[in-house]
Structure formats: structure tokens, C-alpha cells
Amino acid sequence: MRRWIAQAGGEVTEQRFAGFVPMFSPDPLARAMKAAEPWLERFPGLRALGCSVYVMVAIRSTPRPR
């Protein structure tokens, strides 16, 4: 996605991964995963593999032709 944005003349200003706990997890599992979530989100490889939400903010770095 970063490459597509760059090809379109944009620049990624921020990106984040979040949401390690699956939506329909049983309560005991969800509580354990939620406790591990802040730790997991600190490690780039782990958060990219384990988190379900990816948010990217980009700006247009060049004016769009009209």
C-alpha cells in the first residue's frame, strides 16, 4: 500500500497496527490476549502478523492534475 500511495504522488505520514484480540474469542482467551496486546504491538514483525487492524494516514505530496 505504501508503494501505491507513493506512485500516486502521496506520502505516508503515520501507520499503526492494532486489534490482537479476535472478535468472537471466548472471554478467558480474550482477557489473556488483551493483556498481551500492548506488548505485542511494540514489535514490528509480531504486530504485522498478529494484529487485525492496519491504519494508514497519507497526504498528497504533489497537486493533482486537473
PDB file of N, CA and C in Angstrom:
ATOM      1  N   MET A   1       0.829  -1.188   0.000  1.00  0.00           N
ATOM      2  CA  MET A   1       0.000   0.000   0.000  1.00  0.00           C
ATOM      3  C   MET A   1       0.874   1.254   0.000  1.00  0.00           C
ATOM      4  N   ARG A   2       1.992   1.181   0.730  1.00  0.00           N
ATOM      5  CA  ARG A   2       2.892   2.352   0.745  1.00  0.00           C
ATOM      6  C   ARG A   2       3.381   2.672  -0.665  1.00  0.00           C
ATOM      7  N   ARG A   3       3.697   1.631  -1.426  1.00  0.00           N
ATOM      8  CA  ARG A   3       4.182   1.836  -2.791  1.00  0.00           C
ATOM      9  C   ARG A   3       3.088   2.437  -3.669  1.00  0.00           C
ATOM     10  N   TRP A   4       1.865   1.976  -3.540  1.00  0.00           N
ATOM     11  CA  TRP A   4       0.762   2.520  -4.324  1.00  0.00           C
ATOM     12  C   TRP A   4       0.554   3.997  -4.018  1.00  0.00           C
ATOM     13  N   ILE A   5       0.641   4.334  -2.747  1.00  0.00           N
ATOM     14  CA  ILE A   5       0.463   5.737  -2.369  1.00  0.00           C
ATOM     15  C   ILE A   5       1.585   6.583  -2.946  1.00  0.00           C
ATOM     16  N   ALA A   6       2.820   6.094  -2.874  1.00  0.00           N
ATOM     17  CA  ALA A   6       3.956   6.833  -3.447  1.00  0.00           C
ATOM     18  C   ALA A   6       3.798   6.994  -4.951  1.00  0.00           C
ATOM     19  N   GLN A   7       3.352   5.953  -5.639  1.00  0.00           N
ATOM     20  CA  GLN A   7       3.144   6.037  -7.086  1.00  0.00           C
ATOM     21  C   GLN A   7       2.048   7.024  -7.449  1.00  0.00           C
ATOM     22  N   ALA A   8       1.099   7.224  -6.563  1.00  0.00           N
ATOM     23  CA  ALA A   8       0.011   8.172  -6.805  1.00  0.00           C
ATOM     24  C   ALA A   8       0.380   9.591  -6.372  1.00  0.00           C
ATOM     25  N   GLY A   9       1.628   9.777  -5.919  1.00  0.00           N
ATOM     26  CA  GLY A   9       2.071  11.109  -5.516  1.00  0.00           C
ATOM     27  C   GLY A   9       1.794  11.442  -4.074  1.00  0.00           C
ATOM     28  N   GLY A  10       1.565  10.438  -3.250  1.00  0.00           N
ATOM     29  CA  GLY A  10       1.276  10.679  -1.842  1.00  0.00           C
ATOM     30  C   GLY A  10       2.453  10.317  -0.951  1.00  0.00           C
ATOM     31  N   GLU A  11       2.297  10.624   0.317  1.00  0.00           N
ATOM     32  CA  GLU A  11       3.327  10.325   1.313  1.00  0.00           C
ATOM     33  C   GLU A  11       2.646   9.812   2.578  1.00  0.00           C
ATOM     34  N   VAL A  12       3.090   8.663   3.062  1.00  0.00           N
ATOM     35  CA  VAL A  12       2.539   8.083   4.290  1.00  0.00           C
ATOM     36  C   VAL A  12       3.102   8.860   5.471  1.00  0.00           C
ATOM     37  N   THR A  13       2.226   9.381   6.301  1.00  0.00           N
ATOM     38  CA  THR A  13       2.667  10.163   7.457  1.00  0.00           C
ATOM     39  C   THR A  13       2.579   9.370   8.759  1.00  0.00           C
ATOM     40  N   GLU A  14       1.738   8.328   8.783  1.00  0.00           N
ATOM     41  CA  GLU A  14       1.610   7.529  10.004  1.00  0.00           C
ATOM     42  C   GLU A  14       0.989   6.182   9.663  1.00  0.00           C
ATOM     43  N   GLN A  15       1.394   5.161  10.393  1.00  0.00           N
ATOM     44  CA  GLN A  15       0.775   3.845  10.246  1.00  0.00           C
ATOM     45  C   GLN A  15       0.771   3.144  11.593  1.00  0.00           C
ATOM     46  N   ARG A  16      -0.279   2.363  11.829  1.00  0.00           N
ATOM     47  CA  ARG A  16      -0.413   1.656  13.106  1.00  0.00           C
ATOM     48  C   ARG A  16      -1.120   0.330  12.904  1.00  0.00           C
ATOM     49  N   PHE A  17      -0.733  -0.612  13.731  1.00  0.00           N
ATOM     50  CA  PHE A  17      -1.400  -1.904  13.792  1.00  0.00           C
ATOM     51  C   PHE A  17      -2.085  -1.990  15.150  1.00  0.00           C
ATOM     52  N   ALA A  18      -3.239  -2.616  15.198  1.00  0.00           N
ATOM     53  CA  ALA A  18      -3.959  -2.773  16.460  1.00  0.00           C
ATOM     54  C   ALA A  18      -4.886  -3.980  16.352  1.00  0.00           C
ATOM     55  N   GLY A  19      -5.496  -4.333  17.453  1.00  0.00           N
ATOM     56  CA  GLY A  19      -6.530  -5.358  17.441  1.00  0.00           C
ATOM     57  C   GLY A  19      -6.025  -6.783  17.423  1.00  0.00           C
ATOM     58  N   PHE A  20      -5.312  -7.188  18.449  1.00  0.00           N
ATOM     59  CA  PHE A  20      -4.801  -8.550  18.534  1.00  0.00           C
ATOM     60  C   PHE A  20      -5.887  -9.541  18.938  1.00  0.00           C
ATOM     61  N   VAL A  21      -6.927  -9.099  19.594  1.00  0.00           N
ATOM     62  CA  VAL A  21      -7.969  -9.987  20.106  1.00  0.00           C
ATOM     63  C   VAL A  21      -9.033 -10.215  19.028  1.00  0.00           C
ATOM     64  N   PRO A  22      -9.240 -11.469  18.594  1.00  0.00           N
ATOM     65  CA  PRO A  22     -10.298 -11.752  17.629  1.00  0.00           C
ATOM     66  C   PRO A  22     -11.673 -11.417  18.203  1.00  0.00           C
ATOM     67  N   MET A  23     -12.576 -11.007  17.353  1.00  0.00           N
ATOM     68  CA  MET A  23     -13.878 -10.508  17.792  1.00  0.00           C
ATOM     69  C   MET A  23     -14.684 -11.537  18.592  1.00  0.00           C
ATOM     70  N   PHE A  24     -14.692 -12.775  18.188  1.00  0.00           N
ATOM     71  CA  PHE A  24     -15.548 -13.770  18.848  1.00  0.00           C
ATOM     72  C   PHE A  24     -14.760 -14.739  19.725  1.00  0.00           C
ATOM     73  N   SER A  25     -13.693 -14.263  20.350  1.00  0.00           N
ATOM     74  CA  SER A  25     -12.907 -15.109  21.262  1.00  0.00           C
ATOM     75  C   SER A  25     -13.682 -15.367  22.546  1.00  0.00           C
ATOM     76  N   PRO A  26     -13.530 -16.560  23.106  1.00  0.00           N
ATOM     77  CA  PRO A  26     -14.128 -16.813  24.424  1.00  0.00           C
ATOM     78  C   PRO A  26     -13.527 -15.843  25.450  1.00  0.00           C
ATOM     79  N   ASP A  27     -14.295 -15.474  26.449  1.00  0.00           N
ATOM     80  CA  ASP A  27     -13.862 -14.469  27.424  1.00  0.00           C
ATOM     81  C   ASP A  27     -12.503 -14.741  28.052  1.00  0.00           C
ATOM     82  N   PRO A  28     -12.213 -15.942  28.540  1.00  0.00           N
ATOM     83  CA  PRO A  28     -10.896 -16.161  29.164  1.00  0.00           C
ATOM     84  C   PRO A  28      -9.741 -15.928  28.171  1.00  0.00           C
ATOM     85  N   LEU A  29      -9.902 -16.403  26.946  1.00  0.00           N
ATOM     86  CA  LEU A  29      -8.871 -16.200  25.929  1.00  0.00           C
ATOM     87  C   LEU A  29      -8.755 -14.722  25.573  1.00  0.00           C
ATOM     88  N   ALA A  30      -9.880 -14.054  25.431  1.00  0.00           N
ATOM     89  CA  ALA A  30      -9.875 -12.623  25.085  1.00  0.00           C
ATOM     90  C   ALA A  30      -9.169 -11.801  26.160  1.00  0.00           C
ATOM     91  N   ARG A  31      -9.408 -12.119  27.438  1.00  0.00           N
ATOM     92  CA  ARG A  31      -8.749 -11.380  28.516  1.00  0.00           C
ATOM     93  C   ARG A  31      -7.236 -11.571  28.469  1.00  0.00           C
ATOM     94  N   ALA A  32      -6.798 -12.803  28.240  1.00  0.00           N
ATOM     95  CA  ALA A  32      -5.352 -13.078  28.161  1.00  0.00           C
ATOM     96  C   ALA A  32      -4.717 -12.369  26.966  1.00  0.00           C
ATOM     97  N   MET A  33      -5.393 -12.408  25.829  1.00  0.00           N
ATOM     98  CA  MET A  33      -4.859 -11.760  24.623  1.00  0.00           C
ATOM     99  C   MET A  33      -4.849 -10.239  24.792  1.00  0.00           C
ATOM    100  N   LYS A  34      -5.872  -9.702  25.427  1.00  0.00           N
ATOM    101  CA  LYS A  34      -5.937  -8.248  25.651  1.00  0.00           C
ATOM    102  C   LYS A  34      -4.795  -7.804  26.557  1.00  0.00           C
ATOM    103  N   ALA A  35      -4.434  -8.624  27.524  1.00  0.00           N
ATOM    104  CA  ALA A  35      -3.318  -8.296  28.411  1.00  0.00           C
ATOM    105  C   ALA A  35      -2.000  -8.291  27.637  1.00  0.00           C
ATOM    106  N   ALA A  36      -1.868  -9.166  26.641  1.00  0.00           N
ATOM    107  CA  ALA A  36      -0.637  -9.252  25.838  1.00  0.00           C
ATOM    108  C   ALA A  36      -0.594  -8.223  24.716  1.00  0.00           C
ATOM    109  N   GLU A  37      -1.724  -7.641  24.372  1.00  0.00           N
ATOM    110  CA  GLU A  37      -1.820  -6.732  23.220  1.00  0.00           C
ATOM    111  C   GLU A  37      -0.840  -5.559  23.256  1.00  0.00           C
ATOM    112  N   PRO A  38      -0.709  -4.802  24.356  1.00  0.00           N
ATOM    113  CA  PRO A  38       0.228  -3.670  24.361  1.00  0.00           C
ATOM    114  C   PRO A  38       1.674  -4.119  24.128  1.00  0.00           C
ATOM    115  N   TRP A  39       2.036  -5.268  24.670  1.00  0.00           N
ATOM    116  CA  TRP A  39       3.391  -5.789  24.491  1.00  0.00           C
ATOM    117  C   TRP A  39       3.609  -6.187  23.025  1.00  0.00           C
ATOM    118  N   LEU A  40       2.638  -6.888  22.460  1.00  0.00           N
ATOM    119  CA  LEU A  40       2.744  -7.366  21.083  1.00  0.00           C
ATOM    120  C   LEU A  40       2.846  -6.207  20.090  1.00  0.00           C
ATOM    121  N   GLU A  41       2.102  -5.139  20.330  1.00  0.00           N
ATOM    122  CA  GLU A  41       2.074  -4.010  19.401  1.00  0.00           C
ATOM    123  C   GLU A  41       3.398  -3.240  19.358  1.00  0.00           C
ATOM    124  N   ARG A  42       4.330  -3.522  20.253  1.00  0.00           N
ATOM    125  CA  ARG A  42       5.635  -2.851  20.251  1.00  0.00           C
ATOM    126  C   ARG A  42       6.624  -3.457  19.270  1.00  0.00           C
ATOM    127  N   PHE A  43       6.380  -4.678  18.811  1.00  0.00           N
ATOM    128  CA  PHE A  43       7.333  -5.389  17.967  1.00  0.00           C
ATOM    129  C   PHE A  43       6.836  -5.448  16.524  1.00  0.00           C
ATOM    130  N   PRO A  44       7.554  -4.797  15.593  1.00  0.00           N
ATOM    131  CA  PRO A  44       7.074  -4.676  14.212  1.00  0.00           C
ATOM    132  C   PRO A  44       6.665  -5.994  13.556  1.00  0.00           C
ATOM    133  N   GLY A  45       7.488  -7.022  13.615  1.00  0.00           N
ATOM    134  CA  GLY A  45       7.137  -8.282  12.967  1.00  0.00           C
ATOM    135  C   GLY A  45       5.927  -8.947  13.589  1.00  0.00           C
ATOM    136  N   LEU A  46       5.870  -8.952  14.909  1.00  0.00           N
ATOM    137  CA  LEU A  46       4.746  -9.582  15.600  1.00  0.00           C
ATOM    138  C   LEU A  46       3.446  -8.837  15.356  1.00  0.00           C
ATOM    139  N   ARG A  47       3.481  -7.516  15.412  1.00  0.00           N
ATOM    140  CA  ARG A  47       2.225  -6.773  15.229  1.00  0.00           C
ATOM    141  C   ARG A  47       1.715  -6.889  13.799  1.00  0.00           C
ATOM    142  N   ALA A  48       2.619  -6.963  12.826  1.00  0.00           N
ATOM    143  CA  ALA A  48       2.186  -7.112  11.432  1.00  0.00           C
ATOM    144  C   ALA A  48       1.521  -8.469  11.215  1.00  0.00           C
ATOM    145  N   LEU A  49       1.982  -9.495  11.913  1.00  0.00           N
ATOM    146  CA  LEU A  49       1.408 -10.832  11.757  1.00  0.00           C
ATOM    147  C   LEU A  49       0.200 -11.076  12.644  1.00  0.00           C
ATOM    148  N   GLY A  50       0.175 -10.467  13.830  1.00  0.00           N
ATOM    149  CA  GLY A  50      -0.848 -10.807  14.804  1.00  0.00           C
ATOM    150  C   GLY A  50      -2.002  -9.839  14.935  1.00  0.00           C
ATOM    151  N   CYS A  51      -1.865  -8.631  14.433  1.00  0.00           N
ATOM    152  CA  CYS A  51      -2.929  -7.638  14.616  1.00  0.00           C
ATOM    153  C   CYS A  51      -3.849  -7.615  13.399  1.00  0.00           C
ATOM    154  N   SER A  52      -5.129  -7.396  13.640  1.00  0.00           N
ATOM    155  CA  SER A  52      -6.115  -7.477  12.567  1.00  0.00           C
ATOM    156  C   SER A  52      -6.469  -6.131  11.947  1.00  0.00           C
ATOM    157  N   VAL A  53      -6.046  -5.044  12.554  1.00  0.00           N
ATOM    158  CA  VAL A  53      -6.400  -3.721  12.038  1.00  0.00           C
ATOM    159  C   VAL A  53      -5.123  -2.982  11.649  1.00  0.00           C
ATOM    160  N   TYR A  54      -5.122  -2.436  10.458  1.00  0.00           N
ATOM    161  CA  TYR A  54      -3.993  -1.644   9.979  1.00  0.00           C
ATOM    162  C   TYR A  54      -4.547  -0.299   9.542  1.00  0.00           C
ATOM    163  N   VAL A  55      -4.031   0.768  10.117  1.00  0.00           N
ATOM    164  CA  VAL A  55      -4.489   2.114   9.793  1.00  0.00           C
ATOM    165  C   VAL A  55      -3.320   2.892   9.212  1.00  0.00           C
ATOM    166  N   MET A  56      -3.542   3.527   8.089  1.00  0.00           N
ATOM    167  CA  MET A  56      -2.501   4.316   7.433  1.00  0.00           C
ATOM    168  C   MET A  56      -3.053   5.702   7.142  1.00  0.00           C
ATOM    169  N   VAL A  57      -2.244   6.716   7.432  1.00  0.00           N
ATOM    170  CA  VAL A  57      -2.602   8.094   7.118  1.00  0.00           C
ATOM    171  C   VAL A  57      -1.610   8.583   6.075  1.00  0.00           C
ATOM    172  N   ALA A  58      -2.132   9.150   5.004  1.00  0.00           N
ATOM    173  CA  ALA A  58      -1.266   9.647   3.931  1.00  0.00           C
ATOM    174  C   ALA A  58      -1.744  11.012   3.478  1.00  0.00           C
ATOM    175  N   ILE A  59      -0.828  11.772   2.952  1.00  0.00           N
ATOM    176  CA  ILE A  59      -1.162  13.075   2.387  1.00  0.00           C
ATOM    177  C   ILE A  59      -0.712  13.107   0.935  1.00  0.00           C
ATOM    178  N   ARG A  60      -1.361  13.933   0.162  1.00  0.00           N
ATOM    179  CA  ARG A  60      -0.960  14.109  -1.219  1.00  0.00           C
ATOM    180  C   ARG A  60       0.202  15.090  -1.229  1.00  0.00           C
ATOM    181  N   SER A  61       1.357  14.630  -1.729  1.00  0.00           N
ATOM    182  CA  SER A  61       2.544  15.487  -1.685  1.00  0.00           C
ATOM    183  C   SER A  61       2.692  16.358  -2.932  1.00  0.00           C
ATOM    184  N   THR A  62       1.984  16.024  -3.977  1.00  0.00           N
ATOM    185  CA  THR A  62       2.010  16.853  -5.189  1.00  0.00           C
ATOM    186  C   THR A  62       0.582  17.179  -5.589  1.00  0.00           C
ATOM    187  N   PRO A  63       0.350  18.343  -6.144  1.00  0.00           N
ATOM    188  CA  PRO A  63      -1.016  18.687  -6.562  1.00  0.00           C
ATOM    189  C   PRO A  63      -1.518  17.729  -7.632  1.00  0.00           C
ATOM    190  N   ARG A  64      -2.779  17.430  -7.570  1.00  0.00           N
ATOM    191  CA  ARG A  64      -3.405  16.539  -8.547  1.00  0.00           C
ATOM    192  C   ARG A  64      -3.659  17.317  -9.840  1.00  0.00           C
ATOM    193  N   PRO A  65      -3.289  16.760 -11.003  1.00  0.00           N
ATOM    194  CA  PRO A  65      -3.563  17.474 -12.250  1.00  0.00           C
ATOM    195  C   PRO A  65      -5.055  17.579 -12.503  1.00  0.00           C
ATOM    196  N   ARG A  66      -5.477  18.680 -13.056  1.00  0.00           N
ATOM    197  CA  ARG A  66      -6.913  18.884 -13.349  1.00  0.00           C
ATOM    198  C   ARG A  66      -7.177  18.811 -14.809  1.00  0.00           C
TER     199      ARG A  66
END
